[in-house]
Amino acid sequence: MTFSEPLQEIRTGFERPFWVANISEIFERLSYYGAFASLALYLQEKLSFSTEQTGTLTGIFGGMVWFLAIFGGAAADRLGFRRALSLAYLILSVAYFLIGSIGATWLAPVRNAVPLGLFVGFILILPALGVSLVKPCVVGTTARASKENVRSIGYSIYYTMVNVGGALGPYCASWAHRHLGVENVYRVAALSVFAMFFFVLFFFREPRKAGDAPPPSIATVARNFCVVVGNYRLVLPVLVVALLLRVAMLIYPFTAPWWIWIGLLALVLAGISRFMWFLVIFTGYWVVFWQQYTSLPGYIHGYINPKADVEIILVTDGVTVICLTLLVNSLIRKIPAFQAVILGTLITSLSWLVLAFRPTIWGAVLSLFVLALGEITQQPRYYEYISKLAPPGQQGTYMGFAFLPIGIGSLIGGWFGGTLVHHFGEAVHQPERMWWVVTGVGLATTLLLWIYDRYARVPPGSEAS
């Protein structure tokens, strides 16, 4: 095959909605990662939250975004991708503006009427309402608007676009933080996604394929949702209880006994499907991954260099993915998708050992570089695997569930990282030891994925139950 032939496949293999959706994804990710890159410092240094509260709140910001994508995927199937994307970008523009206005005088009456943690936590959930619609729409459009022979390349392009935004976001946040103040990081984010509202409205057309079923009814969407979950009558109430308990801990600071969390987890695991077992196991990957946003900024300022430009350091992940995704994908195309997920999890897990041995700025950069190599290895193949599990007409629902581990990983990872920084940094004064614990979580996840692959994995084309 000549060099021009793959380029011709790319040129003819994707319909216009693919490119419109993925270009808009650049700006959505720019806003999201710009907001996330500055969030820990904004909460801790500007709003005076403690290390542990900062970890919890950053975890809520990241976690709810991805958790609500489950429902966003089902809603996208029902609304259609064009309407869902337009609505999502409008919601996001308002949400980011409100985050930047937390300390504004016009919000003072509301801010003073409720506990600050509850007030900030509520506002940090608002972007989730928009992102939860964007992600399933873009990934679902990639599935619908790509020919089969370039589907794998399509997911690599999608993930490259994500990381173009992921790299630009922290860079723009660094500039806005230094020149405009940290609050205006969020107003710049609001402008970025507001522009995408008009871009989608004018240029995006609903992707359709011959033989596509009509949009499902609400009853069908609900039934699909329940089938994917498993025993939803058990699982959903338990998840609601866990979420309410976590919110109560934020409002009235207390520690719930460990056996309550173990009991709730046991009930969830008893009721979920085989597919959901995989998603629960894969949560461990994202607990490890999200430490770059939830605990690394505070770690760098507290234990390496208080004047370090954290937002610029966080550009490392996105730049690495932009430069190497297509190359790495071409090298591992013959590796089965699930084995690529396992390999990527292992690489990302080992990345934090660099920082454990070399607690310096360059050690942090190198850790993020290795972390990104693991991300590149597994993430496009992860979406490929799940997209092939989805029955016709349910791509949005399944892709919504694909984001569940990312959300749970952020919710747990924020609390987990804040606890580790407090214990190893503030209590025992050996902060570098926290990265050994993070690595241990990743290695345990790798082992569980290997066991799942051998004994329980759902093969593509079969029922994910």
Foldseek 3Di string as FASTA:
>chain_A
DDPVVVVVQVVPFFDQQLVLLLLLLLLLLLLLLLCLLCQLCCCCVVVNDALLLSLQLSLLLQQLLQQLLLVLLLVCLQPFLLVLLLVLLVQLLVLLLVLLCLVPPVCVVVCVVAPVLLVNSVSSNSNSSNSSNSQLSNLVSLVQRGDPVCSLVSLLSSVLSSLSSNLNNLVVSLVCCVPPNNSCSSNVSSVSSVVSSVSSVPRHDGRDDPPADRRDDPVVSVVVSDLQFFQCVQQVVLVVVVVVVSSVCSRPPDDDDPVSVVVSVVSSVVGGFLLVVLLVLCLLLLLLVCCLRQAVVVCCLPPENVPDSSSNLSSLLSVLSNVCLVVLCVVCVVPQQLVLLLQLLLQLLCLLVQCLVPVYSVSSSSSSNSNSVSCSRHPSSLSVFQCLQDDRSSSSNSSSSSSNSNSVSSSVSSSLSSVLCCCCCVPVNNSSVSSVVSSVSSVVSSVVSVVCVVPPDDGGPDHRD
